[in-house]
Amino acid sequence: MEIVQRFPWGAIPQTRVQPLLIIVEFDVRCPECSSGTDHVNRHAEDEDPRSAVFNYVPYATPKDEWAPVADFTRESVLMVHPRSERHAIEAMRTISQFVAWAHREGYPLDRDRMFTPDACERYITTAATHLAVSSRATRRSDLRRFSRQITTKAPWPADAPQLKQRRTLVPFTQDEITRLWEIANTQSTEIRRRRFTGYLALGLGAGLHPHEMWKANVGDLDTLHGFLCVRVTESRHPRVVPITAPNDAILASFLTEPQDAPILAYRPRKWDRSPFHEMLRKADVPPGCPTITPARLRATWMVHHLTHGMSMGGLMQIAGFTSWRSYQPLQQFVAQPDEATLFAQAVRR
């Protein structure tokens, strides 16, 4: 029996299975802390934060518990001033579940009496025990941050000054790049290979930012001056980026797909904090695989161009930034000429 899974960008044969085994997964959730986001706002596309707040439906909270606290919760979230739809959904998820629990526990609908350090800590220790330690820590951190923003008299200590740590991105070595392509090309399914190779090709071939990768469709691939390029339109820095070989051959193989097919063959959920992590979590990533991030792929792409003599101004144009300052540490990875060569270049005789 041939099993074919259909995607927006086409039908992909999976494998032949005999007999057919169907696995059903049951999702057991705790009503106090389950995100309830599997069905939240799927009808909404690119909402503004305020609309996302009012359209949010907390399916993890019973309707009779949500109705008395709904307006109070929405007002509380708006006081946090979410800057995007995703942040609004995340704030509604965290605050709605806390408020429903607190109201059930007898706390009044008074922010200074509900959003206190003791109440937040009690909520985490009694109603979030089923969460993984990392998830519980994130929920606790978010709730404490929100509580500081929306209260005036609650006994919250002042925020400790954050220590800013500057880390220099280390580009991939050629051996690491070779290893990444081996992993990408040996994924167990066609769709996983498609995602992995598209990810590497956009990063190593065009140096796109994460949000630019998600927005890139097959229709954005175009030929200009005889070279395959990707048109970056949904960005603060619209531009046309020529795709570095051999990545252009990878992306050229996608041109037979529908124009609106995502190059990454993956659409992240709006509430995913780490969409690339989620995408790679579904891939076959062996132990010892180099850590892959869009920023590191972009750094590798930039160093590659500088190493091959591209001017800084030209790189700034296709990379979509106006100041070189934050990228200056990458210069240490660019081979510099010896003194005799440098002098010859300076004299130009």
Protein backbone atom coordinates (compact mmCIF):
# COMPACT_ATOMS: atom_id res chain seq x y z
CA MET A 1 0.00 0.00 0.00
CA GLU A 2 1.38 3.41 -0.92
CA ILE A 3 0.66 6.10 1.61
CA VAL A 4 0.67 9.61 0.19
CA GLN A 5 0.60 12.60 2.51
CA ARG A 6 -0.65 15.74 0.78
CA PHE A 7 0.77 19.14 1.52
CA PRO A 8 -0.05 22.57 0.07
CA TRP A 9 3.01 22.27 -2.11
CA GLY A 10 2.19 18.83 -3.57
CA ALA A 11 1.81 15.14 -2.88
CA ILE A 12 4.85 13.39 -1.48
CA PRO A 13 5.03 9.58 -1.51
CA GLN A 14 6.08 8.39 1.93
CA THR A 15 6.74 4.68 2.09
CA ARG A 16 5.19 1.27 1.55
CA VAL A 17 3.88 -0.26 4.74
CA GLN A 18 2.43 -3.73 5.15
CA PRO A 19 0.43 -4.06 7.29
CA LEU A 20 -0.79 -0.56 8.04
CA LEU A 21 -0.29 0.42 11.67
CA ILE A 22 -2.26 3.35 13.03
CA ILE A 23 -0.97 5.02 16.19
CA VAL A 24 -3.33 7.25 18.12
CA GLU A 25 -1.84 9.78 20.52
CA PHE A 26 -3.89 10.97 23.48
CA ASP A 27 -3.27 14.46 24.77
CA VAL A 28 -3.93 14.80 28.49
CA ARG A 29 -3.84 18.37 29.70
CA CYS A 30 -4.02 20.11 33.05
CA PRO A 31 -6.74 22.79 32.79
CA GLU A 32 -4.78 25.24 34.93
CA CYS A 33 -1.67 25.28 32.78
CA SER A 34 -2.35 23.70 29.41
CA SER A 35 -1.71 26.30 26.76
CA GLY A 36 -4.94 25.39 25.01
CA THR A 37 -3.45 26.86 21.88
CA ASP A 38 -3.96 23.95 19.52
CA HIS A 39 -7.21 25.57 18.34
CA VAL A 40 -6.67 29.18 19.36
CA ASN A 41 -7.02 31.87 16.71
CA ARG A 42 -6.40 29.53 13.78
CA HIS A 43 -8.92 31.66 11.85
CA ALA A 44 -6.91 34.82 12.42
CA GLU A 45 -4.13 35.89 10.12
CA ASP A 46 -1.78 38.73 11.05
CA GLU A 47 -4.07 40.27 13.65
CA ASP A 48 -2.96 43.31 15.57
CA PRO A 49 -2.18 42.62 19.26
CA ARG A 50 -5.40 44.18 20.57
CA SER A 51 -7.57 42.10 18.26
CA ALA A 52 -5.64 38.98 19.25
CA VAL A 53 -6.40 39.72 22.91
CA PHE A 54 -10.14 40.04 22.35
CA ASN A 55 -10.36 37.09 19.95
CA TYR A 56 -8.44 34.74 22.23
CA VAL A 57 -10.50 31.77 23.41
CA PRO A 58 -8.96 29.80 26.33
CA TYR A 59 -10.22 26.30 25.51
CA ALA A 60 -8.35 24.92 28.53
CA THR A 61 -10.58 26.94 30.88
CA PRO A 62 -14.25 25.95 31.37
CA LYS A 63 -16.69 28.56 30.05
CA ASP A 64 -18.34 29.06 33.43
CA GLU A 65 -14.94 29.89 34.94
CA TRP A 66 -13.84 32.10 32.06
CA ALA A 67 -16.92 34.33 31.83
CA PRO A 68 -16.50 36.05 35.26
CA VAL A 69 -12.80 36.85 34.66
CA ALA A 70 -12.68 37.44 30.88
CA ASP A 71 -12.86 41.25 30.91
CA PHE A 72 -10.48 41.51 33.88
CA THR A 73 -7.99 39.24 32.09
CA ARG A 74 -8.14 41.17 28.81
CA GLU A 75 -7.61 44.48 30.61
CA SER A 76 -4.64 42.98 32.44
CA VAL A 77 -3.03 41.76 29.23
CA LEU A 78 -3.49 45.12 27.50
CA MET A 79 -1.61 46.71 30.42
CA VAL A 80 1.38 44.56 29.44
CA HIS A 81 1.37 46.29 26.01
CA PRO A 82 2.04 43.21 23.83
CA ARG A 83 4.00 44.32 20.78
CA SER A 84 2.80 41.65 18.35
CA GLU A 85 0.04 39.11 17.83
CA ARG A 86 2.28 36.28 19.04
CA HIS A 87 3.19 38.15 22.22
CA ALA A 88 -0.49 38.94 22.82
CA ILE A 89 -1.42 35.24 22.51
CA GLU A 90 1.41 34.21 24.85
CA ALA A 91 0.38 36.82 27.44
CA MET A 92 -3.27 35.78 27.23
CA ARG A 93 -2.33 32.13 27.67
CA THR A 94 -0.23 32.79 30.78
CA ILE A 95 -2.44 35.40 32.44
CA SER A 96 -5.80 33.78 31.66
CA GLN A 97 -4.79 30.51 33.27
CA PHE A 98 -3.37 32.25 36.33
CA VAL A 99 -6.43 34.48 36.77
CA ALA A 100 -8.86 31.55 36.42
CA TRP A 101 -6.91 29.61 39.05
CA ALA A 102 -6.64 32.62 41.40
CA HIS A 103 -10.36 33.41 41.12
CA ARG A 104 -11.19 29.79 41.87
CA GLU A 105 -8.91 29.98 44.90
CA GLY A 106 -10.80 32.99 46.24
CA TYR A 107 -8.55 35.88 45.22
CA PRO A 108 -10.51 39.09 44.44
CA LEU A 109 -10.40 40.64 40.98
CA ASP A 110 -7.92 43.24 42.18
CA ARG A 111 -4.55 43.22 40.45
CA ASP A 112 -2.59 44.43 43.47
CA ARG A 113 -4.13 41.69 45.61
CA MET A 114 -4.05 38.91 42.99
CA PHE A 115 -0.76 39.40 41.16
CA THR A 116 1.44 39.17 44.26
CA PRO A 117 4.75 37.29 44.65
CA ASP A 118 3.16 34.78 47.04
CA ALA A 119 0.19 34.08 44.74
CA CYS A 120 2.41 33.62 41.69
CA GLU A 121 4.72 31.27 43.55
CA ARG A 122 1.82 29.24 44.94
CA TYR A 123 0.32 28.93 41.46
CA ILE A 124 3.57 27.60 40.02
CA THR A 125 4.16 25.13 42.87
CA THR A 126 0.60 23.79 43.09
CA ALA A 127 -0.95 24.14 39.62
CA ALA A 128 2.04 23.71 37.30
CA THR A 129 3.70 20.61 38.72
CA HIS A 130 2.92 18.57 35.61
CA LEU A 131 5.02 20.85 33.42
CA ALA A 132 8.66 20.17 32.65
CA VAL A 133 11.09 22.12 34.81
CA SER A 134 12.10 24.34 31.89
CA SER A 135 8.47 25.09 31.00
CA ARG A 136 7.63 25.79 34.62
CA ALA A 137 10.57 28.18 34.89
CA THR A 138 9.45 30.02 31.75
CA ARG A 139 5.86 30.27 33.00
CA ARG A 140 7.11 31.60 36.35
CA SER A 141 9.40 34.15 34.74
CA ASP A 142 6.66 35.42 32.40
CA LEU A 143 4.11 35.67 35.19
CA ARG A 144 6.49 37.59 37.46
CA ARG A 145 7.38 39.98 34.65
CA PHE A 146 3.75 40.61 33.75
CA SER A 147 2.80 41.10 37.41
CA ARG A 148 5.42 43.80 37.86
CA GLN A 149 4.01 45.64 34.85
CA ILE A 150 0.35 45.63 35.84
CA THR A 151 0.55 46.28 39.59
CA THR A 152 1.37 49.46 41.53
CA LYS A 153 1.10 48.41 45.19
CA ALA A 154 1.91 44.70 45.16
CA PRO A 155 5.17 44.00 47.01
CA TRP A 156 7.31 43.22 44.02
CA PRO A 157 11.03 43.92 44.45
CA ALA A 158 12.70 46.08 41.86
CA ASP A 159 14.06 44.28 38.82
CA ALA A 160 17.74 43.46 39.07
CA PRO A 161 19.77 45.08 36.29
CA GLN A 162 20.27 42.66 33.44
CA LEU A 163 23.79 41.78 32.45
CA LYS A 164 24.25 42.11 28.74
CA GLN A 165 26.46 39.48 27.27
CA ARG A 166 27.85 39.92 23.80
CA ARG A 167 28.60 36.67 22.08
CA THR A 168 30.48 36.47 18.85
CA LEU A 169 28.81 34.12 16.42
CA VAL A 170 31.27 31.53 15.18
CA PRO A 171 30.66 30.64 11.52
CA PHE A 172 30.52 27.02 10.46
CA THR A 173 33.74 25.47 9.21
CA GLN A 174 33.79 23.78 5.82
CA ASP A 175 33.82 20.37 7.50
CA GLU A 176 30.74 21.32 9.55
CA ILE A 177 28.96 22.54 6.43
CA THR A 178 29.72 19.25 4.70
CA ARG A 179 28.38 17.38 7.71
CA LEU A 180 25.17 19.46 7.76
CA TRP A 181 24.47 18.68 4.10
CA GLU A 182 25.08 14.97 4.75
CA ILE A 183 22.50 15.08 7.54
CA ALA A 184 20.05 17.08 5.41
CA ASN A 185 20.29 14.70 2.46
CA THR A 186 19.88 11.55 4.56
CA GLN A 187 16.64 12.51 6.34
CA SER A 188 14.23 9.62 6.65
CA THR A 189 11.36 11.22 4.69
CA GLU A 190 11.06 13.44 1.66
CA ILE A 191 9.37 16.25 3.56
CA ARG A 192 12.13 16.29 6.19
CA ARG A 193 14.79 16.45 3.48
CA ARG A 194 12.83 19.25 1.82
CA ARG A 195 12.71 21.32 5.00
CA PHE A 196 16.33 20.71 6.01
CA THR A 197 17.79 21.43 2.58
CA GLY A 198 15.61 24.53 2.15
CA TYR A 199 16.73 25.82 5.56
CA LEU A 200 20.43 25.36 4.77
CA ALA A 201 20.10 26.79 1.26
CA LEU A 202 18.35 29.98 2.43
CA GLY A 203 20.81 30.46 5.29
CA LEU A 204 24.10 29.56 3.61
CA GLY A 205 23.03 30.81 0.18
CA ALA A 206 21.20 34.07 0.97
CA GLY A 207 21.86 34.85 4.64
CA LEU A 208 18.22 35.62 5.39
CA HIS A 209 16.97 36.67 8.82
CA PRO A 210 14.63 34.19 10.57
CA HIS A 211 11.42 36.12 9.84
CA GLU A 212 12.50 36.50 6.22
CA MET A 213 12.98 32.74 5.92
CA TRP A 214 9.45 32.04 7.14
CA LYS A 215 7.97 34.52 4.68
CA ALA A 216 9.94 33.31 1.64
CA ASN A 217 7.86 31.46 -0.94
CA VAL A 218 8.83 29.71 -4.15
CA GLY A 219 7.36 32.68 -6.04
CA ASP A 220 10.04 34.91 -4.50
CA LEU A 221 12.74 33.05 -6.43
CA ASP A 222 13.64 34.95 -9.58
CA THR A 223 16.44 35.25 -12.13
CA LEU A 224 18.24 38.59 -12.36
CA HIS A 225 21.37 39.32 -14.44
CA GLY A 226 21.45 35.62 -15.21
CA PHE A 227 21.62 34.52 -11.57
CA LEU A 228 19.00 32.93 -9.33
CA CYS A 229 17.97 35.35 -6.58
CA VAL A 230 15.44 35.55 -3.79
CA ARG A 231 13.32 38.67 -3.49
CA VAL A 232 12.94 39.69 0.14
CA THR A 233 9.75 41.74 0.26
CA GLU A 234 8.24 41.30 3.73
CA SER A 235 11.10 42.89 5.63
CA ARG A 236 12.23 46.23 7.00
CA HIS A 237 14.95 46.04 4.35
CA PRO A 238 13.40 44.87 1.06
CA ARG A 239 16.08 43.71 -1.34
CA VAL A 240 17.12 41.15 -3.93
CA VAL A 241 19.72 38.64 -2.77
CA PRO A 242 21.73 36.58 -5.26
CA ILE A 243 22.00 32.98 -4.05
CA THR A 244 25.51 31.68 -3.57
CA ALA A 245 26.45 28.42 -5.33
CA PRO A 246 25.90 25.54 -4.84
CA ASN A 247 22.82 26.58 -2.86
CA ASP A 248 21.24 28.07 -5.99
CA ALA A 249 20.96 24.60 -7.51
CA ILE A 250 19.09 23.37 -4.41
CA LEU A 251 16.58 26.23 -4.51
CA ALA A 252 16.23 25.99 -8.30
CA SER A 253 14.89 22.45 -7.84
CA PHE A 254 11.91 23.95 -5.95
CA LEU A 255 10.79 26.09 -8.91
CA THR A 256 8.33 23.45 -10.14
CA GLU A 257 6.27 23.86 -6.97
CA PRO A 258 3.33 26.29 -6.59
CA GLN A 259 4.27 29.97 -6.30
CA ASP A 260 2.82 30.25 -2.79
CA ALA A 261 4.61 27.17 -1.45
CA PRO A 262 6.88 28.08 1.49
CA ILE A 263 10.53 27.46 0.70
CA LEU A 264 10.96 25.93 4.15
CA ALA A 265 7.93 23.68 3.53
CA TYR A 266 6.83 24.57 7.06
CA ARG A 267 4.57 27.23 8.53
CA PRO A 268 5.27 27.94 12.21
CA ARG A 269 2.45 28.33 14.68
CA LYS A 270 2.08 31.91 15.84
CA TRP A 271 2.62 31.04 19.48
CA ASP A 272 5.85 29.05 18.95
CA ARG A 273 8.65 30.72 20.86
CA SER A 274 11.34 28.84 18.92
CA PRO A 275 9.91 27.84 15.54
CA PHE A 276 13.24 26.66 14.12
CA HIS A 277 13.73 24.46 17.17
CA GLU A 278 10.25 23.03 16.61
CA MET A 279 10.98 22.38 12.95
CA LEU A 280 14.30 20.64 13.66
CA ARG A 281 12.75 18.70 16.55
CA LYS A 282 10.77 16.82 13.90
CA ALA A 283 13.89 16.12 11.85
CA ASP A 284 16.45 13.33 12.18
CA VAL A 285 19.26 15.16 13.97
CA PRO A 286 22.00 12.74 15.12
CA PRO A 287 24.09 13.29 18.27
CA GLY A 288 27.05 15.55 17.65
CA CYS A 289 25.30 17.55 14.92
CA PRO A 290 26.53 21.17 14.96
CA THR A 291 24.02 23.55 16.51
CA ILE A 292 22.05 25.17 13.69
CA THR A 293 20.58 28.65 14.04
CA PRO A 294 19.62 31.20 11.37
CA ALA A 295 22.08 33.67 12.92
CA ARG A 296 24.97 31.24 12.59
CA LEU A 297 24.04 30.38 9.01
CA ARG A 298 23.91 34.10 8.23
CA ALA A 299 27.30 34.70 9.87
CA THR A 300 28.79 31.90 7.76
CA TRP A 301 27.32 33.43 4.61
CA MET A 302 28.75 36.86 5.44
CA VAL A 303 32.24 35.56 6.24
CA HIS A 304 32.20 33.54 3.01
CA HIS A 305 31.53 36.69 0.96
CA LEU A 306 34.14 38.76 2.78
CA THR A 307 36.70 35.99 2.35
CA HIS A 308 36.07 36.01 -1.39
CA GLY A 309 36.65 39.75 -1.72
CA MET A 310 33.14 41.24 -1.63
CA SER A 311 33.21 44.86 -0.51
CA MET A 312 31.70 45.76 2.82
CA GLY A 313 29.30 48.15 1.13
CA GLY A 314 28.14 45.50 -1.31
CA LEU A 315 27.60 43.00 1.49
CA MET A 316 25.61 45.54 3.49
CA GLN A 317 23.34 46.05 0.46
CA ILE A 318 22.44 42.39 -0.04
CA ALA A 319 22.46 41.58 3.69
CA GLY A 320 19.94 44.29 4.47
CA PHE A 321 21.63 46.25 7.24
CA THR A 322 22.81 49.85 7.50
CA SER A 323 25.52 49.62 10.16
CA TRP A 324 28.47 47.26 10.23
CA ARG A 325 29.10 47.76 13.95
CA SER A 326 27.33 44.67 15.30
CA TYR A 327 29.05 42.49 12.72
CA GLN A 328 32.61 43.76 13.24
CA PRO A 329 33.62 40.71 15.34
CA LEU A 330 33.20 38.57 12.21
CA GLN A 331 36.32 40.18 10.76
CA GLN A 332 38.44 37.88 12.94
CA PHE A 333 37.26 34.95 10.83
CA VAL A 334 38.28 36.58 7.53
CA ALA A 335 41.80 35.72 6.41
CA GLN A 336 43.93 38.85 6.15
CA PRO A 337 46.74 39.29 3.58
CA ASP A 338 50.35 39.19 4.72
CA GLU A 339 52.24 42.46 4.98
CA ALA A 340 53.89 42.22 1.55
CA THR A 341 50.54 41.60 -0.15
CA LEU A 342 48.91 44.37 1.85
CA PHE A 343 51.60 46.87 0.83
CA ALA A 344 51.28 45.83 -2.83
CA GLN A 345 47.53 46.37 -2.63
CA ALA A 346 48.05 49.78 -1.07
CA VAL A 347 50.65 50.96 -3.60
CA ARG A 348 48.79 49.56 -6.63
CA ARG A 349 51.80 49.83 -8.87
